[in-house]
Every structure is written in structure tokens, then in C-alpha cells.
Amino acid sequence: MPVKTVRISSLSGDVIPEGTGARVRVIWADDTRTDYRADLTDAETEKLIQAYGAEEVEARPDRRRRS
């Protein structure tokens, strides 16, 4: 029997439907602190972006493959 993975919001505890939501990662400038990760619903992510004025980041360009 296949196992279904269910993601739960780190803030509200609501179930995040498959294909939606966001994973937010906090990486500190100094390496002495522990990094954090949170799963959020679409609505929580939008509120976070609006509240803190997060900026859009371009995707990293593809790396060249080794031959």
C-alpha cells in the first residue's frame, strides 16, 4: 500500500494541499547560528511577503554539465 505524505503548516497547523504552499528557509549571515525551515500555506506566505517586504529573487542560471 503506497504511503501518502501530508505536509502541515508550521504556523497554523493546517494541512497544506499537494501542489501548493511554500517552504521558507532562514539562513543566518554568520555560520554560528542554526538554520531554520518552515512549511507555510499560500495565504501565510503572502502575508509574510507583504509584512516584511521580501524581495523577488531570480532563479540561479543552469550550471554547465561536465562532459
PDB file of N, CA and C in Angstrom:
ATOM      1  N   MET A   1       0.843  -1.174   0.000  1.00  0.00           N
ATOM      2  CA  MET A   1       0.000   0.000   0.000  1.00  0.00           C
ATOM      3  C   MET A   1       0.892   1.242   0.000  1.00  0.00           C
ATOM      4  N   PRO A   2       0.685   2.173  -0.945  1.00  0.00           N
ATOM      5  CA  PRO A   2       1.518   3.366  -1.008  1.00  0.00           C
ATOM      6  C   PRO A   2       1.258   4.289   0.180  1.00  0.00           C
ATOM      7  N   VAL A   3       2.298   5.010   0.545  1.00  0.00           N
ATOM      8  CA  VAL A   3       2.213   5.944   1.659  1.00  0.00           C
ATOM      9  C   VAL A   3       2.036   7.351   1.101  1.00  0.00           C
ATOM     10  N   LYS A   4       1.082   8.107   1.638  1.00  0.00           N
ATOM     11  CA  LYS A   4       0.846   9.478   1.207  1.00  0.00           C
ATOM     12  C   LYS A   4       1.455  10.420   2.239  1.00  0.00           C
ATOM     13  N   THR A   5       2.255  11.365   1.762  1.00  0.00           N
ATOM     14  CA  THR A   5       2.873  12.352   2.639  1.00  0.00           C
ATOM     15  C   THR A   5       1.948  13.553   2.767  1.00  0.00           C
ATOM     16  N   VAL A   6       1.703  13.980   3.988  1.00  0.00           N
ATOM     17  CA  VAL A   6       0.862  15.138   4.252  1.00  0.00           C
ATOM     18  C   VAL A   6       1.736  16.201   4.906  1.00  0.00           C
ATOM     19  N   ARG A   7       1.748  17.394   4.307  1.00  0.00           N
ATOM     20  CA  ARG A   7       2.518  18.495   4.893  1.00  0.00           C
ATOM     21  C   ARG A   7       1.599  19.340   5.764  1.00  0.00           C
ATOM     22  N   ILE A   8       2.120  19.750   6.907  1.00  0.00           N
ATOM     23  CA  ILE A   8       1.380  20.551   7.879  1.00  0.00           C
ATOM     24  C   ILE A   8       2.081  21.900   8.020  1.00  0.00           C
ATOM     25  N   SER A   9       1.312  22.978   8.068  1.00  0.00           N
ATOM     26  CA  SER A   9       1.872  24.317   8.230  1.00  0.00           C
ATOM     27  C   SER A   9       2.558  24.439   9.581  1.00  0.00           C
ATOM     28  N   SER A  10       3.747  25.028   9.567  1.00  0.00           N
ATOM     29  CA  SER A  10       4.496  25.247  10.801  1.00  0.00           C
ATOM     30  C   SER A  10       3.869  26.343  11.656  1.00  0.00           C
ATOM     31  N   LEU A  11       3.092  27.225  11.054  1.00  0.00           N
ATOM     32  CA  LEU A  11       2.470  28.324  11.812  1.00  0.00           C
ATOM     33  C   LEU A  11       1.096  27.967  12.354  1.00  0.00           C
ATOM     34  N   SER A  12       0.215  27.503  11.471  1.00  0.00           N
ATOM     35  CA  SER A  12      -1.177  27.302  11.878  1.00  0.00           C
ATOM     36  C   SER A  12      -1.536  25.851  12.179  1.00  0.00           C
ATOM     37  N   GLY A  13      -0.749  24.916  11.682  1.00  0.00           N
ATOM     38  CA  GLY A  13      -1.064  23.510  11.866  1.00  0.00           C
ATOM     39  C   GLY A  13      -2.061  22.987  10.851  1.00  0.00           C
ATOM     40  N   ASP A  14      -2.434  23.804   9.858  1.00  0.00           N
ATOM     41  CA  ASP A  14      -3.354  23.383   8.806  1.00  0.00           C
ATOM     42  C   ASP A  14      -2.638  22.468   7.811  1.00  0.00           C
ATOM     43  N   VAL A  15      -3.411  21.587   7.179  1.00  0.00           N
ATOM     44  CA  VAL A  15      -2.861  20.729   6.135  1.00  0.00           C
ATOM     45  C   VAL A  15      -2.609  21.563   4.887  1.00  0.00           C
ATOM     46  N   ILE A  16      -1.453  21.378   4.270  1.00  0.00           N
ATOM     47  CA  ILE A  16      -1.113  22.084   3.038  1.00  0.00           C
ATOM     48  C   ILE A  16      -1.437  21.151   1.875  1.00  0.00           C
ATOM     49  N   PRO A  17      -2.409  21.526   1.024  1.00  0.00           N
ATOM     50  CA  PRO A  17      -2.768  20.656  -0.101  1.00  0.00           C
ATOM     51  C   PRO A  17      -1.580  20.420  -1.034  1.00  0.00           C
ATOM     52  N   GLU A  18      -1.568  19.260  -1.667  1.00  0.00           N
ATOM     53  CA  GLU A  18      -0.484  18.908  -2.571  1.00  0.00           C
ATOM     54  C   GLU A  18      -0.427  19.894  -3.738  1.00  0.00           C
ATOM     55  N   GLY A  19       0.762  20.334  -4.079  1.00  0.00           N
ATOM     56  CA  GLY A  19       0.938  21.275  -5.182  1.00  0.00           C
ATOM     57  C   GLY A  19       0.814  22.728  -4.779  1.00  0.00           C
ATOM     58  N   THR A  20       0.588  23.003  -3.506  1.00  0.00           N
ATOM     59  CA  THR A  20       0.501  24.386  -3.024  1.00  0.00           C
ATOM     60  C   THR A  20       1.463  24.556  -1.850  1.00  0.00           C
ATOM     61  N   GLY A  21       1.503  25.765  -1.313  1.00  0.00           N
ATOM     62  CA  GLY A  21       2.332  26.029  -0.143  1.00  0.00           C
ATOM     63  C   GLY A  21       3.752  26.393  -0.524  1.00  0.00           C
ATOM     64  N   ALA A  22       4.533  26.713   0.494  1.00  0.00           N
ATOM     65  CA  ALA A  22       5.924  27.117   0.287  1.00  0.00           C
ATOM     66  C   ALA A  22       6.764  26.634   1.455  1.00  0.00           C
ATOM     67  N   ARG A  23       8.019  26.390   1.184  1.00  0.00           N
ATOM     68  CA  ARG A  23       8.981  26.075   2.234  1.00  0.00           C
ATOM     69  C   ARG A  23       9.903  27.285   2.352  1.00  0.00           C
ATOM     70  N   VAL A  24       9.956  27.865   3.526  1.00  0.00           N
ATOM     71  CA  VAL A  24      10.767  29.049   3.787  1.00  0.00           C
ATOM     72  C   VAL A  24      11.978  28.617   4.598  1.00  0.00           C
ATOM     73  N   ARG A  25      13.158  29.063   4.190  1.00  0.00           N
ATOM     74  CA  ARG A  25      14.379  28.704   4.905  1.00  0.00           C
ATOM     75  C   ARG A  25      15.078  29.972   5.362  1.00  0.00           C
ATOM     76  N   VAL A  26      15.454  30.002   6.625  1.00  0.00           N
ATOM     77  CA  VAL A  26      16.178  31.135   7.194  1.00  0.00           C
ATOM     78  C   VAL A  26      17.640  30.725   7.346  1.00  0.00           C
ATOM     79  N   ILE A  27      18.507  31.465   6.672  1.00  0.00           N
ATOM     80  CA  ILE A  27      19.939  31.199   6.732  1.00  0.00           C
ATOM     81  C   ILE A  27      20.605  32.455   7.276  1.00  0.00           C
ATOM     82  N   TRP A  28      21.278  32.326   8.389  1.00  0.00           N
ATOM     83  CA  TRP A  28      21.923  33.463   9.031  1.00  0.00           C
ATOM     84  C   TRP A  28      23.215  33.837   8.303  1.00  0.00           C
ATOM     85  N   ALA A  29      23.592  35.099   8.390  1.00  0.00           N
ATOM     86  CA  ALA A  29      24.808  35.572   7.739  1.00  0.00           C
ATOM     87  C   ALA A  29      26.061  34.951   8.374  1.00  0.00           C
ATOM     88  N   ASP A  30      26.027  34.761   9.690  1.00  0.00           N
ATOM     89  CA  ASP A  30      27.165  34.107  10.343  1.00  0.00           C
ATOM     90  C   ASP A  30      26.840  32.622  10.524  1.00  0.00           C
ATOM     91  N   ASP A  31      27.839  31.801  10.435  1.00  0.00           N
ATOM     92  CA  ASP A  31      27.628  30.351  10.491  1.00  0.00           C
ATOM     93  C   ASP A  31      27.505  29.810  11.908  1.00  0.00           C
ATOM     94  N   THR A  32      27.441  30.682  12.897  1.00  0.00           N
ATOM     95  CA  THR A  32      27.371  30.206  14.277  1.00  0.00           C
ATOM     96  C   THR A  32      25.953  29.855  14.709  1.00  0.00           C
ATOM     97  N   ARG A  33      24.955  30.291  13.958  1.00  0.00           N
ATOM     98  CA  ARG A  33      23.568  30.038  14.324  1.00  0.00           C
ATOM     99  C   ARG A  33      22.993  28.877  13.509  1.00  0.00           C
ATOM    100  N   THR A  34      21.967  28.263  14.047  1.00  0.00           N
ATOM    101  CA  THR A  34      21.306  27.155  13.382  1.00  0.00           C
ATOM    102  C   THR A  34      20.329  27.679  12.331  1.00  0.00           C
ATOM    103  N   ASP A  35      20.307  27.052  11.149  1.00  0.00           N
ATOM    104  CA  ASP A  35      19.349  27.416  10.108  1.00  0.00           C
ATOM    105  C   ASP A  35      17.971  26.865  10.478  1.00  0.00           C
ATOM    106  N   TYR A  36      16.917  27.523   9.968  1.00  0.00           N
ATOM    107  CA  TYR A  36      15.551  27.107  10.246  1.00  0.00           C
ATOM    108  C   TYR A  36      14.779  26.921   8.951  1.00  0.00           C
ATOM    109  N   ARG A  37      13.784  26.031   8.979  1.00  0.00           N
ATOM    110  CA  ARG A  37      12.934  25.772   7.829  1.00  0.00           C
ATOM    111  C   ARG A  37      11.495  25.706   8.308  1.00  0.00           C
ATOM    112  N   ALA A  38      10.574  26.285   7.520  1.00  0.00           N
ATOM    113  CA  ALA A  38       9.152  26.254   7.874  1.00  0.00           C
ATOM    114  C   ALA A  38       8.336  25.989   6.625  1.00  0.00           C
ATOM    115  N   ASP A  39       7.330  25.139   6.754  1.00  0.00           N
ATOM    116  CA  ASP A  39       6.361  24.907   5.686  1.00  0.00           C
ATOM    117  C   ASP A  39       5.166  25.816   5.936  1.00  0.00           C
ATOM    118  N   LEU A  40       4.743  26.565   4.906  1.00  0.00           N
ATOM    119  CA  LEU A  40       3.655  27.527   5.045  1.00  0.00           C
ATOM    120  C   LEU A  40       2.622  27.332   3.947  1.00  0.00           C
ATOM    121  N   THR A  41       1.374  27.691   4.243  1.00  0.00           N
ATOM    122  CA  THR A  41       0.324  27.684   3.228  1.00  0.00           C
ATOM    123  C   THR A  41       0.532  28.889   2.308  1.00  0.00           C
ATOM    124  N   ASP A  42      -0.178  28.911   1.189  1.00  0.00           N
ATOM    125  CA  ASP A  42      -0.073  30.036   0.261  1.00  0.00           C
ATOM    126  C   ASP A  42      -0.460  31.352   0.940  1.00  0.00           C
ATOM    127  N   ALA A  43      -1.542  31.328   1.719  1.00  0.00           N
ATOM    128  CA  ALA A  43      -2.015  32.549   2.386  1.00  0.00           C
ATOM    129  C   ALA A  43      -0.992  33.062   3.395  1.00  0.00           C
ATOM    130  N   GLU A  44      -0.404  32.164   4.164  1.00  0.00           N
ATOM    131  CA  GLU A  44       0.608  32.568   5.154  1.00  0.00           C
ATOM    132  C   GLU A  44       1.848  33.126   4.472  1.00  0.00           C
ATOM    133  N   THR A  45       2.206  32.553   3.339  1.00  0.00           N
ATOM    134  CA  THR A  45       3.366  33.042   2.598  1.00  0.00           C
ATOM    135  C   THR A  45       3.118  34.445   2.070  1.00  0.00           C
ATOM    136  N   GLU A  46       1.928  34.690   1.522  1.00  0.00           N
ATOM    137  CA  GLU A  46       1.591  36.026   1.021  1.00  0.00           C
ATOM    138  C   GLU A  46       1.625  37.063   2.140  1.00  0.00           C
ATOM    139  N   LYS A  47       1.088  36.717   3.313  1.00  0.00           N
ATOM    140  CA  LYS A  47       1.110  37.637   4.457  1.00  0.00           C
ATOM    141  C   LYS A  47       2.544  37.939   4.883  1.00  0.00           C
ATOM    142  N   LEU A  48       3.393  36.936   4.884  1.00  0.00           N
ATOM    143  CA  LEU A  48       4.791  37.107   5.267  1.00  0.00           C
ATOM    144  C   LEU A  48       5.514  38.033   4.295  1.00  0.00           C
ATOM    145  N   ILE A  49       5.280  37.832   3.007  1.00  0.00           N
ATOM    146  CA  ILE A  49       5.918  38.671   1.988  1.00  0.00           C
ATOM    147  C   ILE A  49       5.447  40.116   2.115  1.00  0.00           C
ATOM    148  N   GLN A  50       4.143  40.320   2.305  1.00  0.00           N
ATOM    149  CA  GLN A  50       3.601  41.677   2.430  1.00  0.00           C
ATOM    150  C   GLN A  50       4.073  42.360   3.707  1.00  0.00           C
ATOM    151  N   ALA A  51       4.143  41.622   4.804  1.00  0.00           N
ATOM    152  CA  ALA A  51       4.504  42.215   6.085  1.00  0.00           C
ATOM    153  C   ALA A  51       5.965  42.650   6.134  1.00  0.00           C
ATOM    154  N   TYR A  52       6.835  41.889   5.507  1.00  0.00           N
ATOM    155  CA  TYR A  52       8.263  42.173   5.630  1.00  0.00           C
ATOM    156  C   TYR A  52       8.901  42.674   4.343  1.00  0.00           C
ATOM    157  N   GLY A  53       8.117  42.816   3.294  1.00  0.00           N
ATOM    158  CA  GLY A  53       8.644  43.387   2.057  1.00  0.00           C
ATOM    159  C   GLY A  53       9.759  42.551   1.460  1.00  0.00           C
ATOM    160  N   ALA A  54       9.581  41.247   1.433  1.00  0.00           N
ATOM    161  CA  ALA A  54      10.593  40.374   0.854  1.00  0.00           C
ATOM    162  C   ALA A  54      10.764  40.707  -0.619  1.00  0.00           C
ATOM    163  N   GLU A  55      11.971  40.537  -1.097  1.00  0.00           N
ATOM    164  CA  GLU A  55      12.232  40.845  -2.495  1.00  0.00           C
ATOM    165  C   GLU A  55      12.277  39.579  -3.337  1.00  0.00           C
ATOM    166  N   GLU A  56      11.890  39.724  -4.591  1.00  0.00           N
ATOM    167  CA  GLU A  56      11.886  38.597  -5.514  1.00  0.00           C
ATOM    168  C   GLU A  56      13.318  38.297  -5.932  1.00  0.00           C
ATOM    169  N   VAL A  57      13.638  37.026  -5.999  1.00  0.00           N
ATOM    170  CA  VAL A  57      14.987  36.599  -6.345  1.00  0.00           C
ATOM    171  C   VAL A  57      14.918  35.814  -7.644  1.00  0.00           C
ATOM    172  N   GLU A  58      15.858  36.119  -8.539  1.00  0.00           N
ATOM    173  CA  GLU A  58      15.895  35.387  -9.802  1.00  0.00           C
ATOM    174  C   GLU A  58      16.440  33.987  -9.568  1.00  0.00           C
ATOM    175  N   ALA A  59      15.994  33.068 -10.390  1.00  0.00           N
ATOM    176  CA  ALA A  59      16.496  31.694 -10.301  1.00  0.00           C
ATOM    177  C   ALA A  59      17.966  31.662 -10.706  1.00  0.00           C
ATOM    178  N   ARG A  60      18.678  30.741 -10.115  1.00  0.00           N
ATOM    179  CA  ARG A  60      20.088  30.596 -10.470  1.00  0.00           C
ATOM    180  C   ARG A  60      20.193  30.063 -11.892  1.00  0.00           C
ATOM    181  N   PRO A  61      21.153  30.578 -12.643  1.00  0.00           N
ATOM    182  CA  PRO A  61      21.316  30.055 -14.004  1.00  0.00           C
ATOM    183  C   PRO A  61      21.759  28.593 -13.952  1.00  0.00           C
ATOM    184  N   ASP A  62      21.396  27.854 -14.986  1.00  0.00           N
ATOM    185  CA  ASP A  62      21.795  26.452 -15.033  1.00  0.00           C
ATOM    186  C   ASP A  62      23.310  26.337 -15.070  1.00  0.00           C
ATOM    187  N   ARG A  63      23.788  25.335 -14.370  1.00  0.00           N
ATOM    188  CA  ARG A  63      25.226  25.095 -14.393  1.00  0.00           C
ATOM    189  C   ARG A  63      25.573  24.250 -15.612  1.00  0.00           C
ATOM    190  N   ARG A  64      26.758  24.428 -16.099  1.00  0.00           N
ATOM    191  CA  ARG A  64      27.207  23.641 -17.243  1.00  0.00           C
ATOM    192  C   ARG A  64      27.461  22.216 -16.808  1.00  0.00           C
ATOM    193  N   ARG A  65      27.055  21.292 -17.628  1.00  0.00           N
ATOM    194  CA  ARG A  65      27.258  19.888 -17.310  1.00  0.00           C
ATOM    195  C   ARG A  65      28.692  19.492 -17.586  1.00  0.00           C
ATOM    196  N   ARG A  66      29.176  18.587 -16.766  1.00  0.00           N
ATOM    197  CA  ARG A  66      30.517  18.039 -17.010  1.00  0.00           C
ATOM    198  C   ARG A  66      30.439  17.063 -18.163  1.00  0.00           C
ATOM    199  N   SER A  67      31.476  17.048 -18.971  1.00  0.00           N
ATOM    200  CA  SER A  67      31.465  16.112 -20.101  1.00  0.00           C
ATOM    201  C   SER A  67      32.240  14.858 -19.811  1.00  0.00           C
TER     202      SER A  67
END
